[in-house]
Amino acid sequence: MKKEILIYENDGDILKFLRSFFRKRNDYRTRFVTRKDIDNLRGELGGKKPDALIIGNTTTLEYIKPSDVACPIIALIPQGNTIQGIRSVVKSGLQYYLLAPFTKEDLDDRLRVAIKKKSWLETLHKEHKDLEALVEMTHFVTSTLDPRKALYLVVKKLSEIIRVTRCSVISTDAKDKRYANVVSTFEDPTITNLRIDLRKYPEIQKALSLKKSVVVKDALKDPLMKEVKGIIEPMGIRSIMVLPIIFHDEVIGTLLLNIAKAERTFTERERKICAAIANASANALYNAFLYDNLTKEKGDLERLAITDYLTGIYNVRHFYNRLDEEFSRAERHRIPLCCMMFDIDNFKKVNDTYGHRVGDMILREFAHLVRDHTRKSDIFARYGGEEFIMLLPQTSLTGSLAEAERLSKIIRKHQFYAIRDGDKITVSVGIACSSDTKIKNPDNLITFADDALFTAKKKGRDQIAICPSL
C-alpha cells in the first residue's frame, strides 16, 4: 500500500528536489500544499491523515507542533538558514530534519525510519489497548457470579473494540451435535439458549471439527458458504470469524463474529485478541453449561417430588399441599371449590384377566386421558391404587357434575390400548363441594367426596354421586 506524504512548501529549489525524488517512487503518493497558509495546512491535516509531513520552512513549527500532528514531521533546512532552523527544530522537539544540500538517499532514509516508527508506535498503542480490553474482559469473567452476564459483558466489549455486525457466544449441544445454543449476543442481552441448527452454520461446524479458528473473508464467494448463501445474503453478512472455545481439550462452544461491510475483513490483530478472549471465556461458558444442567436437574428433582412414579400425574402429597392452598383461597374469596374422586370399576378383574403389567398400562393411559381432557387449573392426582382425585377451583356443584358426566363419557367410549376390543373401562365418581355448610376444612372436603364415591359404587358402578347432604 502506498504511503501518503503531505508536502508543505513553496520554495522553488526545494520543490524541484522533492518532485524529482517522488517522481519515480511507486511506494509513495504525494499531496503538495504550495500556498503558504497555516489554516490551509491544518485543513489538509484534518482530512485524510498522511503518513508523513514534509515542511521546508521551520517557522511553520511555531504554529504546528509535532505533538499536535498524528504523523511524523520532516523539516528540510535550506542553506543560509541553518542556525535558525536547528533552533526551531530543537525548540519544537522535532525528531527528523535534513540540512542542505539535500540528497535523495538521506530523504529516503528519514522517510523510512519515520514511517516505520509511526507504524510501530501505532501497533504498540493498539496492542496496549487490546491488552487493557483483555484485562477488562477477564475481570468480567472472574468477578461476575452470573456466567451469562459475564459472557454478555464480554461480547459487548468485544463488539466495541472490533467493529462488527454481530458478536455471539455459542455453546455446543452435548446430546445432539446437529444443534447448538446462542448463550449470549451483544445485540440483545435477553437472548439466552437460543437453539440454532448447525446445518445453517457450516463455518461453526468447521471450527468445531477442526478445533481451529475459521475466517471467511467473503461469505458470498467462499465455497464453504455456498449452501447457505441464500440465507446470509439478505442479512448482509460478508466476513465471518469463528473461534473455538476449548475447556480441558474439549470444544464446548465458539465465538462467532460477523462483518457486513464488503470492503473490510478481519485482521490478524483482531483474530489474536478474539482468540485470547475465547480462551478467557472458556470457564464462564463451562460454568453457564453447569448452571443450566444444575437448574435442569433441580427442576427434574422438583418434578419427581410431586409426580406419581407410575402414571406421571401429580402424587397425593402434592395434591394435599395444593388442597390446603386452594381451600384457603376459596374461603378467602368466597368462591366454590369442588372435589371429584374416581375409582376404576372392576379393576381387580382387569388385573386377573390381563395381568398386573397390563393393569399398570391401563392406569397410565387412564391418567393421561383424563389429564388431557381437563383444564390446566384443575389439580388431578393419583390417590392410591386405582383411585384418582381432582380439585376443580372456581367450579360450582352444577359445573363439577357436568364435568364428571363429560369425563365419564370420554372414558366409557375410549378403547384402551392394552385390552381387547369390546372390553370397556368405566369409572365411579364421587363429588363434594366447599359450598356445603358441613364442610369446614380441607379434610372434610375429601371425606365427603369419598363418601359420595362409596354411594356411586353401591348404585352399581359407572355412576356419579354427590355428597348426600348437597
Protein backbone atom coordinates (compact mmCIF):
# COMPACT_ATOMS: atom_id res chain seq x y z
CA MET A 1 0.00 0.00 0.00
CA LYS A 2 1.34 3.41 -0.94
CA LYS A 3 2.24 5.78 1.89
CA GLU A 4 0.63 9.22 1.82
CA ILE A 5 3.12 12.12 2.06
CA LEU A 6 1.89 15.69 2.61
CA ILE A 7 4.36 18.38 1.44
CA TYR A 8 4.00 21.98 2.69
CA GLU A 9 6.47 24.08 0.68
CA ASN A 10 6.63 26.79 -2.00
CA ASP A 11 10.39 27.26 -2.36
CA GLY A 12 11.26 26.51 -5.99
CA ASP A 13 14.55 24.68 -5.35
CA ILE A 14 13.16 22.50 -2.57
CA LEU A 15 10.03 21.72 -4.60
CA LYS A 16 12.19 20.75 -7.55
CA PHE A 17 14.20 18.37 -5.35
CA LEU A 18 11.07 16.82 -3.84
CA ARG A 19 9.29 16.38 -7.16
CA SER A 20 12.38 14.73 -8.57
CA PHE A 21 12.60 12.39 -5.57
CA PHE A 22 8.96 11.27 -5.63
CA ARG A 23 8.53 11.15 -9.41
CA LYS A 24 9.80 7.58 -9.79
CA ARG A 25 8.74 6.25 -6.39
CA ASN A 26 5.83 3.78 -6.52
CA ASP A 27 5.72 3.34 -2.75
CA TYR A 28 4.63 6.93 -2.04
CA ARG A 29 1.71 9.11 -3.02
CA THR A 30 2.19 12.86 -2.56
CA ARG A 31 -0.05 15.84 -1.84
CA PHE A 32 1.52 19.28 -2.30
CA VAL A 33 0.32 22.35 -0.39
CA THR A 34 2.23 25.18 -2.03
CA ARG A 35 0.11 28.02 -0.71
CA LYS A 36 1.78 29.30 2.44
CA ASP A 37 -1.28 29.35 4.67
CA ILE A 38 -1.31 27.64 8.07
CA ASP A 39 -5.09 27.29 8.03
CA ASN A 40 -4.83 25.61 4.66
CA LEU A 41 -2.27 23.18 6.12
CA ARG A 42 -4.45 22.49 9.15
CA GLY A 43 -7.34 21.73 6.82
CA GLU A 44 -5.23 19.19 4.92
CA LEU A 45 -4.09 17.56 8.17
CA GLY A 46 -7.68 17.41 9.39
CA GLY A 47 -8.79 15.46 6.33
CA LYS A 48 -7.17 12.24 5.20
CA LYS A 49 -4.35 11.58 7.63
CA PRO A 50 -0.93 11.46 5.91
CA ASP A 51 1.82 9.03 6.87
CA ALA A 52 4.38 11.86 7.00
CA LEU A 53 4.53 15.66 6.65
CA ILE A 54 7.49 17.38 4.94
CA ILE A 55 7.99 21.11 5.60
CA GLY A 56 10.61 23.41 4.08
CA ASN A 57 10.27 26.33 6.45
CA THR A 58 10.90 25.71 10.15
CA THR A 59 8.85 28.78 11.12
CA THR A 60 5.86 26.51 10.47
CA LEU A 61 6.79 24.76 13.73
CA GLU A 62 5.68 27.87 15.62
CA TYR A 63 2.09 27.10 14.55
CA ILE A 64 2.08 23.34 14.03
CA LYS A 65 3.51 21.34 16.95
CA PRO A 66 4.78 17.78 16.36
CA SER A 67 2.69 16.62 19.32
CA ASP A 68 -0.47 18.00 17.67
CA VAL A 69 0.03 16.12 14.40
CA ALA A 70 -0.79 12.41 14.09
CA CYS A 71 2.16 11.80 11.77
CA PRO A 72 5.93 12.38 11.81
CA ILE A 73 7.24 15.74 10.52
CA ILE A 74 10.44 16.01 8.49
CA ALA A 75 11.92 19.52 8.20
CA LEU A 76 14.16 20.46 5.27
CA ILE A 77 16.51 23.26 6.41
CA PRO A 78 17.92 25.21 3.44
CA GLN A 79 21.34 26.82 3.22
CA GLY A 80 21.56 30.23 4.83
CA ASN A 81 19.01 29.30 7.49
CA THR A 82 20.88 26.51 9.25
CA ILE A 83 21.27 28.04 12.74
CA GLN A 84 17.73 29.42 12.95
CA GLY A 85 16.34 26.19 11.50
CA ILE A 86 18.14 23.97 14.01
CA ARG A 87 16.97 26.20 16.89
CA SER A 88 13.36 25.83 15.74
CA VAL A 89 13.76 22.06 15.42
CA VAL A 90 15.28 21.74 18.91
CA LYS A 91 12.72 24.08 20.47
CA SER A 92 9.78 22.16 18.98
CA GLY A 93 11.19 18.73 19.85
CA LEU A 94 11.15 17.62 16.21
CA GLN A 95 12.95 14.32 15.64
CA TYR A 96 13.55 14.35 11.89
CA TYR A 97 15.26 17.02 9.76
CA LEU A 98 17.69 17.36 6.84
CA LEU A 99 20.33 20.04 6.27
CA ALA A 100 21.10 21.35 2.80
CA PRO A 101 22.49 20.20 0.47
CA PHE A 102 19.80 17.51 0.40
CA THR A 103 20.34 14.05 -1.04
CA LYS A 104 17.74 11.56 -2.13
CA GLU A 105 19.40 8.86 -0.01
CA ASP A 106 19.10 10.97 3.15
CA LEU A 107 15.45 11.79 2.48
CA ASP A 108 14.67 8.16 1.70
CA ASP A 109 16.29 7.09 4.97
CA ARG A 110 14.40 9.69 7.06
CA LEU A 111 11.09 8.79 5.47
CA ARG A 112 11.52 5.05 6.00
CA VAL A 113 12.62 5.47 9.63
CA ALA A 114 9.86 7.98 10.45
CA ILE A 115 7.06 5.96 8.84
CA LYS A 116 8.31 2.70 10.33
CA LYS A 117 8.46 4.24 13.80
CA LYS A 118 4.97 5.67 13.34
CA SER A 119 3.67 2.24 12.34
CA TRP A 120 5.46 0.62 15.28
CA LEU A 121 4.04 3.15 17.76
CA GLU A 122 0.53 2.69 16.35
CA THR A 123 0.86 -1.08 16.68
CA LEU A 124 2.16 -0.69 20.22
CA HIS A 125 -0.74 1.59 21.07
CA LYS A 126 -3.27 -0.86 19.62
CA GLU A 127 -1.69 -3.78 21.47
CA HIS A 128 -1.79 -1.76 24.68
CA LYS A 129 -5.49 -1.02 24.12
CA ASP A 130 -6.10 -4.68 23.30
CA LEU A 131 -4.32 -5.75 26.48
CA GLU A 132 -6.41 -3.31 28.52
CA ALA A 133 -9.57 -4.69 26.92
CA LEU A 134 -8.47 -8.28 27.53
CA VAL A 135 -7.75 -7.50 31.19
CA GLU A 136 -11.17 -5.85 31.49
CA MET A 137 -12.96 -8.81 29.89
CA THR A 138 -11.02 -11.29 32.02
CA HIS A 139 -12.18 -9.26 35.02
CA PHE A 140 -15.78 -9.62 33.81
CA VAL A 141 -15.37 -13.39 33.62
CA THR A 142 -13.69 -13.81 37.01
CA SER A 143 -15.60 -11.26 39.09
CA THR A 144 -19.19 -11.70 37.88
CA LEU A 145 -21.04 -14.51 39.63
CA ASP A 146 -23.61 -14.88 36.86
CA PRO A 147 -21.77 -16.58 33.95
CA ARG A 148 -24.36 -15.39 31.41
CA LYS A 149 -23.94 -11.79 32.48
CA ALA A 150 -20.16 -12.20 32.24
CA LEU A 151 -20.42 -13.56 28.69
CA TYR A 152 -22.74 -10.73 27.66
CA LEU A 153 -20.28 -8.15 29.00
CA VAL A 154 -17.51 -9.90 27.05
CA VAL A 155 -19.34 -9.84 23.69
CA LYS A 156 -20.49 -6.26 24.29
CA LYS A 157 -16.95 -5.07 24.99
CA LEU A 158 -15.55 -7.07 22.09
CA SER A 159 -18.05 -5.50 19.70
CA GLU A 160 -16.81 -2.08 20.81
CA ILE A 161 -13.17 -2.96 20.08
CA ILE A 162 -13.83 -4.67 16.76
CA ARG A 163 -16.50 -3.03 14.62
CA VAL A 164 -18.75 -6.00 13.91
CA THR A 165 -22.37 -6.52 12.93
CA ARG A 166 -22.80 -9.49 15.23
CA CYS A 167 -20.85 -10.99 18.10
CA SER A 168 -22.14 -14.08 19.93
CA VAL A 169 -21.04 -16.89 22.21
CA ILE A 170 -22.32 -20.28 21.04
CA SER A 171 -22.38 -23.42 23.20
CA THR A 172 -22.40 -26.93 21.81
CA ASP A 173 -25.22 -29.38 22.49
CA ALA A 174 -23.71 -32.46 24.13
CA LYS A 175 -26.78 -34.59 23.37
CA ASP A 176 -27.39 -33.58 19.75
CA LYS A 177 -24.40 -32.45 17.69
CA ARG A 178 -26.70 -31.12 14.96
CA TYR A 179 -27.66 -28.19 17.15
CA ALA A 180 -26.05 -25.50 19.30
CA ASN A 181 -27.28 -22.71 21.57
CA VAL A 182 -26.66 -18.97 21.43
CA VAL A 183 -25.71 -18.30 25.04
CA SER A 184 -25.10 -14.58 24.67
CA THR A 185 -25.15 -11.97 21.90
CA PHE A 186 -24.39 -8.25 22.12
CA GLU A 187 -27.42 -7.25 20.01
CA ASP A 188 -29.87 -8.38 22.70
CA PRO A 189 -28.94 -9.16 26.35
CA THR A 190 -32.23 -11.05 26.82
CA ILE A 191 -31.28 -13.76 24.30
CA THR A 192 -30.09 -16.89 26.11
CA ASN A 193 -30.14 -20.52 24.98
CA LEU A 194 -31.48 -19.70 21.52
CA ARG A 195 -31.35 -23.04 19.69
CA ILE A 196 -29.77 -22.98 16.22
CA ASP A 197 -29.47 -25.63 13.53
CA LEU A 198 -25.78 -26.09 12.71
CA ARG A 199 -26.64 -27.14 9.17
CA LYS A 200 -27.21 -23.43 8.56
CA TYR A 201 -23.80 -22.58 10.03
CA PRO A 202 -21.10 -24.51 8.09
CA GLU A 203 -18.44 -22.14 9.42
CA ILE A 204 -19.25 -23.17 13.02
CA GLN A 205 -19.29 -26.84 12.07
CA LYS A 206 -15.82 -26.48 10.54
CA ALA A 207 -14.40 -24.69 13.59
CA LEU A 208 -15.86 -27.35 15.91
CA SER A 209 -14.49 -30.25 13.87
CA LEU A 210 -11.01 -28.76 13.33
CA LYS A 211 -10.74 -27.16 16.78
CA LYS A 212 -9.24 -24.18 14.95
CA SER A 213 -10.36 -20.68 14.09
CA VAL A 214 -12.15 -20.21 10.77
CA VAL A 215 -12.11 -16.92 8.85
CA VAL A 216 -14.40 -16.44 5.86
CA LYS A 217 -13.25 -13.29 4.03
CA ASP A 218 -16.21 -13.11 1.64
CA ALA A 219 -19.19 -15.22 2.64
CA LEU A 220 -20.87 -14.71 -0.74
CA LYS A 221 -17.92 -16.16 -2.65
CA ASP A 222 -16.44 -18.74 -0.28
CA PRO A 223 -17.29 -22.35 -1.31
CA LEU A 224 -17.84 -23.22 2.37
CA MET A 225 -20.90 -20.94 2.47
CA LYS A 226 -22.38 -22.00 -0.89
CA GLU A 227 -25.30 -23.98 0.58
CA VAL A 228 -26.39 -21.12 2.88
CA LYS A 229 -25.73 -18.20 0.54
CA GLY A 230 -29.47 -17.62 0.14
CA ILE A 231 -29.80 -17.26 3.92
CA ILE A 232 -26.86 -14.96 4.64
CA GLU A 233 -27.13 -12.67 1.60
CA PRO A 234 -30.35 -10.91 2.74
CA MET A 235 -28.75 -10.48 6.18
CA GLY A 236 -25.86 -8.55 4.66
CA ILE A 237 -23.18 -10.82 6.12
CA ARG A 238 -19.86 -10.62 4.24
CA SER A 239 -16.97 -11.58 6.52
CA ILE A 240 -17.17 -14.20 9.30
CA MET A 241 -14.79 -15.34 12.02
CA VAL A 242 -15.38 -18.34 14.29
CA LEU A 243 -13.05 -19.22 17.17
CA PRO A 244 -13.43 -22.45 19.16
CA ILE A 245 -13.80 -22.16 22.93
CA ILE A 246 -11.87 -25.05 24.44
CA PHE A 247 -12.10 -26.29 28.03
CA HIS A 248 -9.78 -29.12 29.09
CA ASP A 249 -9.05 -30.04 25.44
CA GLU A 250 -12.76 -30.28 24.64
CA VAL A 251 -14.56 -27.81 22.37
CA ILE A 252 -17.54 -26.55 24.36
CA GLY A 253 -18.53 -23.66 22.11
CA THR A 254 -17.43 -20.92 19.74
CA LEU A 255 -17.08 -17.18 19.49
CA LEU A 256 -18.91 -16.01 16.34
CA LEU A 257 -18.33 -12.60 14.74
CA ASN A 258 -19.83 -11.17 11.53
CA ILE A 259 -18.99 -8.09 9.47
CA ALA A 260 -21.46 -6.65 6.96
CA LYS A 261 -19.09 -4.35 5.04
CA ALA A 262 -17.70 -5.85 1.84
CA GLU A 263 -14.53 -3.74 1.89
CA ARG A 264 -13.37 -4.95 5.30
CA THR A 265 -12.40 -8.32 6.72
CA PHE A 266 -10.83 -9.44 9.99
CA THR A 267 -7.19 -8.55 10.60
CA GLU A 268 -4.59 -10.78 12.22
CA ARG A 269 -4.60 -8.46 15.24
CA GLU A 270 -8.36 -8.92 15.62
CA ARG A 271 -8.02 -12.69 15.27
CA LYS A 272 -5.39 -12.78 18.02
CA ILE A 273 -7.39 -10.74 20.50
CA CYS A 274 -10.52 -12.79 19.78
CA ALA A 275 -8.55 -16.00 20.31
CA ALA A 276 -7.34 -14.70 23.67
CA ILE A 277 -10.88 -13.73 24.65
CA ALA A 278 -12.20 -17.12 23.55
CA ASN A 279 -9.67 -18.76 25.88
CA ALA A 280 -10.62 -16.41 28.73
CA SER A 281 -14.32 -17.15 28.17
CA ALA A 282 -13.95 -20.93 28.46
CA ASN A 283 -14.51 -21.03 32.22
CA ALA A 284 -17.55 -18.75 32.03
CA LEU A 285 -19.12 -20.82 29.25
CA TYR A 286 -18.43 -24.05 31.12
CA ASN A 287 -19.94 -22.54 34.28
CA ALA A 288 -23.00 -21.47 32.29
CA PHE A 289 -23.26 -25.03 30.97
CA LEU A 290 -23.01 -26.41 34.53
CA TYR A 291 -25.55 -23.87 35.75
CA ASP A 292 -28.02 -24.93 33.06
CA ASN A 293 -27.51 -28.59 33.92
CA LEU A 294 -27.92 -27.97 37.64
CA THR A 295 -31.03 -25.87 37.01
CA LYS A 296 -32.47 -28.60 34.82
CA GLU A 297 -31.60 -31.32 37.34
CA LYS A 298 -33.13 -29.24 40.12
CA GLY A 299 -36.28 -28.84 38.06
CA ASP A 300 -36.31 -32.57 37.32
CA LEU A 301 -35.97 -33.39 41.03
CA GLU A 302 -38.74 -30.96 41.91
CA ARG A 303 -40.99 -32.56 39.30
CA LEU A 304 -40.14 -36.04 40.56
CA ALA A 305 -41.03 -35.00 44.09
CA ILE A 306 -44.58 -34.10 43.06
CA THR A 307 -45.14 -36.78 40.40
CA ASP A 308 -46.63 -40.24 40.74
CA TYR A 309 -43.96 -42.68 39.53
CA LEU A 310 -46.39 -44.91 37.60
CA THR A 311 -48.82 -42.54 35.91
CA GLY A 312 -46.79 -39.34 35.55
CA ILE A 313 -49.53 -37.15 37.06
CA TYR A 314 -49.40 -35.45 40.47
CA ASN A 315 -48.90 -37.63 43.53
CA VAL A 316 -51.11 -37.47 46.62
CA ARG A 317 -48.51 -35.50 48.61
CA HIS A 318 -48.58 -32.63 46.12
CA PHE A 319 -52.36 -32.88 45.95
CA TYR A 320 -52.70 -32.27 49.69
CA ASN A 321 -50.33 -29.29 49.52
CA ARG A 322 -52.44 -27.76 46.78
CA LEU A 323 -55.65 -28.69 48.60
CA ASP A 324 -54.68 -26.50 51.57
CA GLU A 325 -53.81 -23.60 49.26
CA GLU A 326 -56.98 -23.85 47.18
CA PHE A 327 -59.28 -24.32 50.17
CA SER A 328 -57.84 -21.20 51.86
CA ARG A 329 -58.25 -19.24 48.64
CA ALA A 330 -61.85 -20.44 48.21
CA GLU A 331 -62.72 -19.35 51.75
CA ARG A 332 -60.92 -16.02 51.43
CA HIS A 333 -62.58 -15.05 48.15
CA ARG A 334 -65.84 -16.91 48.79
CA ILE A 335 -65.59 -18.92 45.60
CA PRO A 336 -66.61 -22.58 45.17
CA LEU A 337 -64.10 -25.44 45.23
CA CYS A 338 -65.19 -28.92 44.24
CA CYS A 339 -63.51 -32.27 44.63
CA MET A 340 -64.07 -35.36 42.48
CA MET A 341 -62.88 -38.85 43.38
CA PHE A 342 -62.62 -41.52 40.66
CA ASP A 343 -62.47 -45.27 41.08
CA ILE A 344 -61.89 -47.53 38.07
CA ASP A 345 -64.68 -50.10 38.13
CA ASN A 346 -63.82 -53.80 38.46
CA PHE A 347 -60.10 -53.10 38.25
CA LYS A 348 -59.30 -56.34 40.11
CA LYS A 349 -60.97 -58.22 37.26
CA VAL A 350 -58.73 -56.38 34.78
CA ASN A 351 -55.63 -57.45 36.72
CA ASP A 352 -56.88 -61.05 36.99
CA THR A 353 -57.71 -61.21 33.27
CA TYR A 354 -54.75 -59.39 31.73
CA GLY A 355 -52.14 -59.33 34.48
CA HIS A 356 -50.72 -56.59 36.66
CA ARG A 357 -48.43 -55.27 33.92
CA VAL A 358 -51.43 -54.54 31.70
CA GLY A 359 -53.19 -53.12 34.74
CA ASP A 360 -50.33 -50.63 35.17
CA MET A 361 -50.57 -49.71 31.48
CA ILE A 362 -54.29 -49.01 31.88
CA LEU A 363 -53.64 -46.82 34.93
CA ARG A 364 -51.15 -44.75 32.91
CA GLU A 365 -53.45 -44.48 29.91
CA PHE A 366 -56.39 -43.56 32.12
CA ALA A 367 -54.38 -40.85 33.90
CA HIS A 368 -53.21 -39.30 30.62
CA LEU A 369 -56.70 -39.49 29.11
CA VAL A 370 -58.28 -37.58 31.99
CA ARG A 371 -55.41 -35.10 32.27
CA ASP A 372 -55.60 -34.29 28.55
CA HIS A 373 -59.32 -33.52 28.82
CA THR A 374 -59.24 -31.21 31.84
CA ARG A 375 -58.33 -27.60 32.45
CA LYS A 376 -54.79 -26.60 33.40
CA SER A 377 -56.18 -25.08 36.57
CA ASP A 378 -57.65 -28.42 37.69
CA ILE A 379 -55.41 -30.46 40.00
CA PHE A 380 -55.50 -34.14 39.08
CA ALA A 381 -53.61 -36.76 41.11
CA ARG A 382 -53.40 -40.45 41.78
CA TYR A 383 -54.89 -41.07 45.20
CA GLY A 384 -53.80 -44.68 45.53
CA GLY A 385 -54.23 -47.95 43.62
CA GLU A 386 -56.96 -47.43 41.03
CA GLU A 387 -58.36 -44.34 42.78
CA PHE A 388 -57.78 -40.82 41.46
CA ILE A 389 -58.75 -37.41 42.78
CA MET A 390 -59.29 -33.99 41.25
CA LEU A 391 -59.73 -30.45 42.58
CA LEU A 392 -61.78 -28.05 40.46
CA PRO A 393 -61.15 -24.44 41.58
CA GLN A 394 -63.88 -21.86 40.97
CA THR A 395 -66.32 -24.58 39.91
CA SER A 396 -69.85 -24.90 41.27
CA LEU A 397 -71.58 -28.17 42.09
CA THR A 398 -73.55 -27.94 38.84
CA GLY A 399 -70.37 -27.35 36.87
CA SER A 400 -68.49 -30.21 38.52
CA LEU A 401 -71.42 -32.58 37.92
CA ALA A 402 -71.41 -31.67 34.21
CA GLU A 403 -67.63 -32.18 34.13
CA ALA A 404 -67.94 -35.60 35.78
CA GLU A 405 -70.54 -36.67 33.21
CA ARG A 406 -68.34 -35.43 30.36
CA LEU A 407 -65.26 -37.28 31.61
CA SER A 408 -67.23 -40.47 32.32
CA LYS A 409 -68.49 -40.44 28.75
CA ILE A 410 -64.97 -39.93 27.35
CA ILE A 411 -63.62 -42.83 29.42
CA ARG A 412 -66.55 -45.09 28.50
CA LYS A 413 -66.02 -44.51 24.77
CA HIS A 414 -62.25 -44.81 24.85
CA GLN A 415 -60.70 -48.05 23.63
CA PHE A 416 -57.76 -48.75 25.91
CA TYR A 417 -54.74 -49.97 24.02
CA ALA A 418 -53.83 -52.90 26.29
CA ILE A 419 -57.21 -54.66 26.41
CA ARG A 420 -59.37 -56.47 23.83
CA ASP A 421 -61.85 -54.69 21.63
CA GLY A 422 -65.21 -54.73 23.32
CA ASP A 423 -63.81 -54.66 26.86
CA LYS A 424 -64.51 -51.22 28.28
CA ILE A 425 -63.23 -49.26 31.25
CA THR A 426 -65.72 -47.28 33.32
CA VAL A 427 -65.43 -45.21 36.49
CA SER A 428 -67.47 -44.37 39.54
CA VAL A 429 -67.27 -40.72 40.59
CA GLY A 430 -67.99 -39.02 43.90
CA ILE A 431 -68.38 -35.24 44.18
CA ALA A 432 -68.20 -32.84 47.13
CA CYS A 433 -68.22 -29.04 47.12
CA SER A 434 -66.98 -26.50 49.66
CA SER A 435 -70.36 -24.73 49.49
CA ASP A 436 -71.75 -27.49 51.75
CA THR A 437 -72.15 -25.94 55.20
CA LYS A 438 -70.89 -29.15 56.83
CA ILE A 439 -67.52 -28.84 55.10
CA LYS A 440 -65.39 -26.78 57.47
CA ASN A 441 -61.88 -27.72 56.40
CA PRO A 442 -59.94 -29.46 53.60
CA ASP A 443 -60.19 -32.88 55.27
CA ASN A 444 -63.99 -32.60 55.31
CA LEU A 445 -63.97 -31.97 51.56
CA ILE A 446 -62.01 -35.18 50.92
CA THR A 447 -64.14 -37.22 53.35
CA PHE A 448 -67.40 -36.09 51.77
CA ALA A 449 -66.08 -36.82 48.25
CA ASP A 450 -65.01 -40.29 49.43
CA ASP A 451 -68.48 -40.90 50.89
CA ALA A 452 -70.06 -39.85 47.60
CA LEU A 453 -67.77 -42.26 45.72
CA PHE A 454 -68.87 -45.09 48.00
CA THR A 455 -72.50 -44.20 47.21
CA ALA A 456 -71.79 -44.26 43.45
CA LYS A 457 -70.22 -47.71 43.68
CA LYS A 458 -73.17 -49.02 45.69
CA LYS A 459 -75.50 -47.79 42.95
CA GLY A 460 -73.93 -50.23 40.50
CA ARG A 461 -70.78 -48.59 39.22
CA ASP A 462 -70.33 -46.35 36.15
CA GLN A 463 -72.31 -43.91 38.27
CA ILE A 464 -71.88 -40.39 39.59
CA ALA A 465 -72.93 -39.42 43.10
CA ILE A 466 -72.73 -36.19 45.05
CA CYS A 467 -72.26 -35.69 48.75
CA PRO A 468 -75.51 -36.83 50.43
CA SER A 469 -76.15 -33.52 52.18
CA LEU A 470 -75.83 -31.47 48.99
